[in-house]
């Protein structure tokens, strides 16, 4: 195993069941906090699953056609499944700026920069957590989700980005509690992006992402 002051990057080629990943992530989070394991960026996919954040409203679970798991992260319901790339980011913020909002802001920026590599303009939206773009119909739609938890200043969970999932699977929930906007993917926008290509593009930006965590997030505009 690498020493505890290094960063491990793990890229899975096969699907990892969500419950298995959650257990592994929780264990690793504690080990990082104790100084007995390196930080981790873990890129993977799950079999179909709905996950519930700490603010999930049961009325927003419309059709539980897949397993439903209490994730322990912030946010509401979301869907994970094949064709969606997940990034679990386990970092010790005591080694960086202790800024939760800054961490989320940097995470969003990392995804936005990577989407731009594939010709997709995306953005943050005030009051709506996640990554947004114009769908194939020209209307604003969600292409990526953000959900994090921080324990003893060590982060866990992270982001998901829709490469080519079955978008009908989002119909079993109100994604992230936002009814008035749809969900899109790179495939729906005419971009054929493999998990390998996505991972490589993301990792090309990892140093910039980590550098953003060294300084507090700029104040919110008023």
Protein backbone atom coordinates (compact mmCIF):
# COMPACT_ATOMS: atom_id res chain seq x y z
CA UNK A 1 0.00 0.00 0.00
CA UNK A 2 1.16 3.54 -0.67
CA UNK A 3 2.13 5.66 2.28
CA UNK A 4 -0.55 7.68 4.03
CA UNK A 5 0.70 10.98 2.61
CA UNK A 6 0.09 10.01 -1.03
CA UNK A 7 -3.00 9.97 -3.20
CA UNK A 8 -4.29 6.71 -4.66
CA UNK A 9 -6.23 6.83 -7.91
CA UNK A 10 -8.36 3.77 -8.60
CA UNK A 11 -10.23 3.11 -11.87
CA UNK A 12 -12.68 0.23 -11.94
CA UNK A 13 -13.37 -1.57 -15.22
CA UNK A 14 -16.35 -3.57 -13.91
CA UNK A 15 -19.46 -2.49 -12.03
CA UNK A 16 -19.23 -2.32 -8.24
CA UNK A 17 -22.45 -2.89 -6.23
CA UNK A 18 -23.40 0.29 -4.41
CA UNK A 19 -23.62 -1.23 -0.94
CA UNK A 20 -20.17 -2.76 -1.36
CA UNK A 21 -18.72 0.57 -2.49
CA UNK A 22 -20.39 2.44 0.38
CA UNK A 23 -18.91 0.07 2.95
CA UNK A 24 -15.45 0.32 1.40
CA UNK A 25 -15.68 4.11 1.21
CA UNK A 26 -16.78 4.42 4.84
CA UNK A 27 -13.90 2.22 5.99
CA UNK A 28 -11.39 4.15 3.89
CA UNK A 29 -12.71 7.49 5.16
CA UNK A 30 -11.98 6.45 8.75
CA UNK A 31 -8.54 5.11 7.82
CA UNK A 32 -7.58 8.37 6.12
CA UNK A 33 -8.71 10.32 9.19
CA UNK A 34 -6.54 8.04 11.36
CA UNK A 35 -3.55 8.50 9.06
CA UNK A 36 -3.36 4.80 8.21
CA UNK A 37 -4.34 4.96 4.52
CA UNK A 38 -3.69 7.29 1.59
CA UNK A 39 -6.32 9.62 0.19
CA UNK A 40 -8.36 8.18 -2.66
CA UNK A 41 -10.01 9.19 -5.91
CA UNK A 42 -12.13 6.24 -7.03
CA UNK A 43 -13.73 6.18 -10.50
CA UNK A 44 -16.36 3.51 -11.09
CA UNK A 45 -19.88 2.50 -12.15
CA UNK A 46 -22.70 0.81 -10.25
CA UNK A 47 -25.48 -1.58 -11.23
CA UNK A 48 -28.87 0.24 -11.19
CA UNK A 49 -29.66 1.67 -7.75
CA UNK A 50 -31.49 4.60 -6.18
CA UNK A 51 -29.67 6.31 -3.33
CA UNK A 52 -31.24 8.53 -0.69
CA UNK A 53 -29.42 11.46 0.85
CA UNK A 54 -30.10 12.90 4.28
CA UNK A 55 -32.75 15.29 2.89
CA UNK A 56 -34.62 12.69 0.81
CA UNK A 57 -38.42 13.03 0.81
CA UNK A 58 -40.17 9.62 0.48
CA UNK A 59 -42.79 11.25 -1.77
CA UNK A 60 -40.04 11.80 -4.34
CA UNK A 61 -39.46 8.04 -4.64
CA UNK A 62 -42.04 7.52 -7.39
CA UNK A 63 -41.28 3.97 -8.54
CA UNK A 64 -38.69 1.99 -6.53
CA UNK A 65 -37.96 -0.41 -9.38
CA UNK A 66 -34.36 -0.81 -8.18
CA UNK A 67 -32.71 -1.27 -4.80
CA UNK A 68 -32.97 1.85 -2.61
CA UNK A 69 -30.00 2.56 -0.32
CA UNK A 70 -29.58 5.17 2.41
CA UNK A 71 -26.33 6.80 1.31
CA UNK A 72 -25.56 9.06 4.27
CA UNK A 73 -24.51 11.91 1.96
CA UNK A 74 -26.17 15.27 1.65
CA UNK A 75 -28.97 15.78 -0.84
CA UNK A 76 -32.06 13.84 -1.86
CA UNK A 77 -32.71 10.92 -4.22
CA UNK A 78 -30.50 10.14 -7.16
CA UNK A 79 -29.99 7.28 -9.58
CA UNK A 80 -26.77 5.44 -10.37
CA UNK A 81 -26.36 2.82 -13.06
CA UNK A 82 -24.48 1.58 -16.11
CA UNK A 83 -23.31 4.34 -18.43
CA UNK A 84 -22.88 6.78 -15.57
CA UNK A 85 -19.38 7.48 -14.26
CA UNK A 86 -19.02 7.98 -10.53
CA UNK A 87 -16.16 9.72 -8.78
CA UNK A 88 -15.73 9.11 -5.06
CA UNK A 89 -13.30 11.66 -3.67
CA UNK A 90 -11.80 10.95 -0.24
CA UNK A 91 -9.49 13.78 0.76
CA UNK A 92 -8.23 15.10 4.09
CA UNK A 93 -9.17 18.77 4.23
CA UNK A 94 -6.96 19.32 7.28
CA UNK A 95 -4.08 19.22 4.77
CA UNK A 96 -5.78 21.92 2.72
CA UNK A 97 -8.14 24.83 3.25
CA UNK A 98 -10.84 23.65 5.68
CA UNK A 99 -13.61 24.93 3.46
CA UNK A 100 -16.60 22.70 2.74
CA UNK A 101 -18.16 25.12 0.25
CA UNK A 102 -14.78 25.44 -1.44
CA UNK A 103 -14.54 21.67 -1.79
CA UNK A 104 -17.96 21.44 -3.46
CA UNK A 105 -17.15 24.41 -5.70
CA UNK A 106 -13.88 22.80 -6.80
CA UNK A 107 -15.59 19.46 -7.41
CA UNK A 108 -18.17 21.15 -9.64
CA UNK A 109 -15.41 22.99 -11.48
CA UNK A 110 -13.53 19.75 -12.10
CA UNK A 111 -16.55 18.18 -13.79
CA UNK A 112 -17.32 21.34 -15.77
CA UNK A 113 -13.74 21.51 -17.10
CA UNK A 114 -13.86 17.86 -18.15
CA UNK A 115 -17.19 18.23 -19.94
CA UNK A 116 -15.68 21.13 -21.88
CA UNK A 117 -13.03 18.75 -23.23
CA UNK A 118 -15.86 16.92 -25.01
CA UNK A 119 -17.42 20.08 -26.39
CA UNK A 120 -20.17 20.38 -23.78
CA UNK A 121 -20.66 23.72 -22.09
CA UNK A 122 -21.96 23.29 -18.54
CA UNK A 123 -22.40 25.40 -15.45
CA UNK A 124 -23.43 25.72 -11.83
CA UNK A 125 -26.96 26.99 -11.17
CA UNK A 126 -27.73 29.09 -8.11
CA UNK A 127 -29.98 27.22 -5.70
CA UNK A 128 -29.67 23.94 -7.65
CA UNK A 129 -26.80 21.65 -6.72
CA UNK A 130 -25.28 19.79 -9.63
CA UNK A 131 -23.94 20.35 -13.13
CA UNK A 132 -26.26 21.77 -15.78
CA UNK A 133 -26.22 22.12 -19.55
CA UNK A 134 -28.61 22.53 -22.47
CA UNK A 135 -30.37 19.29 -23.37
CA UNK A 136 -30.96 18.12 -26.92
CA UNK A 137 -34.22 20.10 -26.93
CA UNK A 138 -32.41 23.28 -25.91
CA UNK A 139 -33.89 23.33 -22.41
CA UNK A 140 -31.70 23.35 -19.33
CA UNK A 141 -31.07 19.84 -18.02
CA UNK A 142 -28.91 18.13 -15.44
CA UNK A 143 -25.91 16.15 -16.66
CA UNK A 144 -24.07 15.63 -13.38
CA UNK A 145 -24.87 15.30 -9.68
CA UNK A 146 -22.88 16.29 -6.60
CA UNK A 147 -23.32 14.79 -3.14
CA UNK A 148 -20.76 14.83 -0.36
CA UNK A 149 -20.27 14.00 3.28
CA UNK A 150 -17.42 15.13 5.51
CA UNK A 151 -16.37 13.23 8.63
CA UNK A 152 -13.47 14.45 10.75
CA UNK A 153 -12.60 16.77 7.86
CA UNK A 154 -12.21 13.84 5.46
CA UNK A 155 -14.50 13.96 2.43
CA UNK A 156 -16.47 11.07 0.96
CA UNK A 157 -18.96 10.49 -1.87
CA UNK A 158 -18.45 12.97 -4.73
CA UNK A 159 -19.96 13.29 -8.21
CA UNK A 160 -21.72 11.38 -10.97
CA UNK A 161 -21.78 12.24 -14.67
CA UNK A 162 -24.15 10.83 -17.27
CA UNK A 163 -22.14 9.40 -20.14
CA UNK A 164 -24.72 7.05 -21.70
CA UNK A 165 -27.13 5.76 -19.05
CA UNK A 166 -30.72 4.70 -19.68
CA UNK A 167 -32.31 8.05 -18.87
CA UNK A 168 -35.71 6.41 -18.33
CA UNK A 169 -34.34 4.99 -15.08
CA UNK A 170 -34.40 8.50 -13.61
CA UNK A 171 -38.20 8.35 -13.93
CA UNK A 172 -38.48 6.35 -10.71
CA UNK A 173 -37.50 9.40 -8.65
CA UNK A 174 -37.61 13.17 -8.61
CA UNK A 175 -33.87 13.59 -9.22
CA UNK A 176 -32.37 15.63 -6.39
CA UNK A 177 -35.86 16.94 -5.60
CA UNK A 178 -36.00 19.14 -8.70
CA UNK A 179 -39.17 18.47 -10.70
CA UNK A 180 -39.09 21.24 -13.29
CA UNK A 181 -35.87 20.23 -15.05
CA UNK A 182 -34.95 17.14 -17.01
CA UNK A 183 -31.86 14.95 -17.13
CA UNK A 184 -29.50 14.54 -20.07
CA UNK A 185 -26.29 12.72 -20.96
CA UNK A 186 -23.29 13.02 -23.24
CA UNK A 187 -24.84 10.36 -25.48
CA UNK A 188 -28.11 12.30 -25.71
CA UNK A 189 -26.06 15.30 -26.81
CA UNK A 190 -24.41 13.27 -29.57
CA UNK A 191 -21.11 12.60 -27.78
CA UNK A 192 -19.88 9.02 -27.68
CA UNK A 193 -17.59 9.00 -24.63
CA UNK A 194 -16.30 5.80 -23.07
CA UNK A 195 -15.57 5.42 -19.38
CA UNK A 196 -11.87 5.16 -20.21
CA UNK A 197 -11.89 8.39 -22.21
CA UNK A 198 -13.81 10.16 -19.45
CA UNK A 199 -11.42 8.98 -16.75
CA UNK A 200 -8.37 10.08 -18.72
CA UNK A 201 -9.86 13.52 -19.32
CA UNK A 202 -10.77 13.91 -15.66
CA UNK A 203 -7.34 12.88 -14.46
CA UNK A 204 -5.73 15.41 -16.81
CA UNK A 205 -7.41 18.06 -14.63
CA UNK A 206 -6.74 16.47 -11.23
CA UNK A 207 -3.77 18.68 -10.34
CA UNK A 208 -5.81 21.81 -11.04
CA UNK A 209 -8.67 20.44 -8.91
CA UNK A 210 -6.34 19.71 -5.99
CA UNK A 211 -4.73 23.14 -6.28
CA UNK A 212 -8.16 24.76 -5.89
CA UNK A 213 -8.48 23.10 -2.49
CA UNK A 214 -5.41 24.91 -1.18
CA UNK A 215 -7.26 28.21 -0.97
CA UNK A 216 -10.66 29.19 0.46
CA UNK A 217 -13.58 29.49 -1.92
CA UNK A 218 -14.23 33.07 -3.13
CA UNK A 219 -17.12 34.78 -1.31
CA UNK A 220 -20.54 34.27 -2.85
CA UNK A 221 -21.77 37.21 -4.90
CA UNK A 222 -24.68 39.15 -3.45
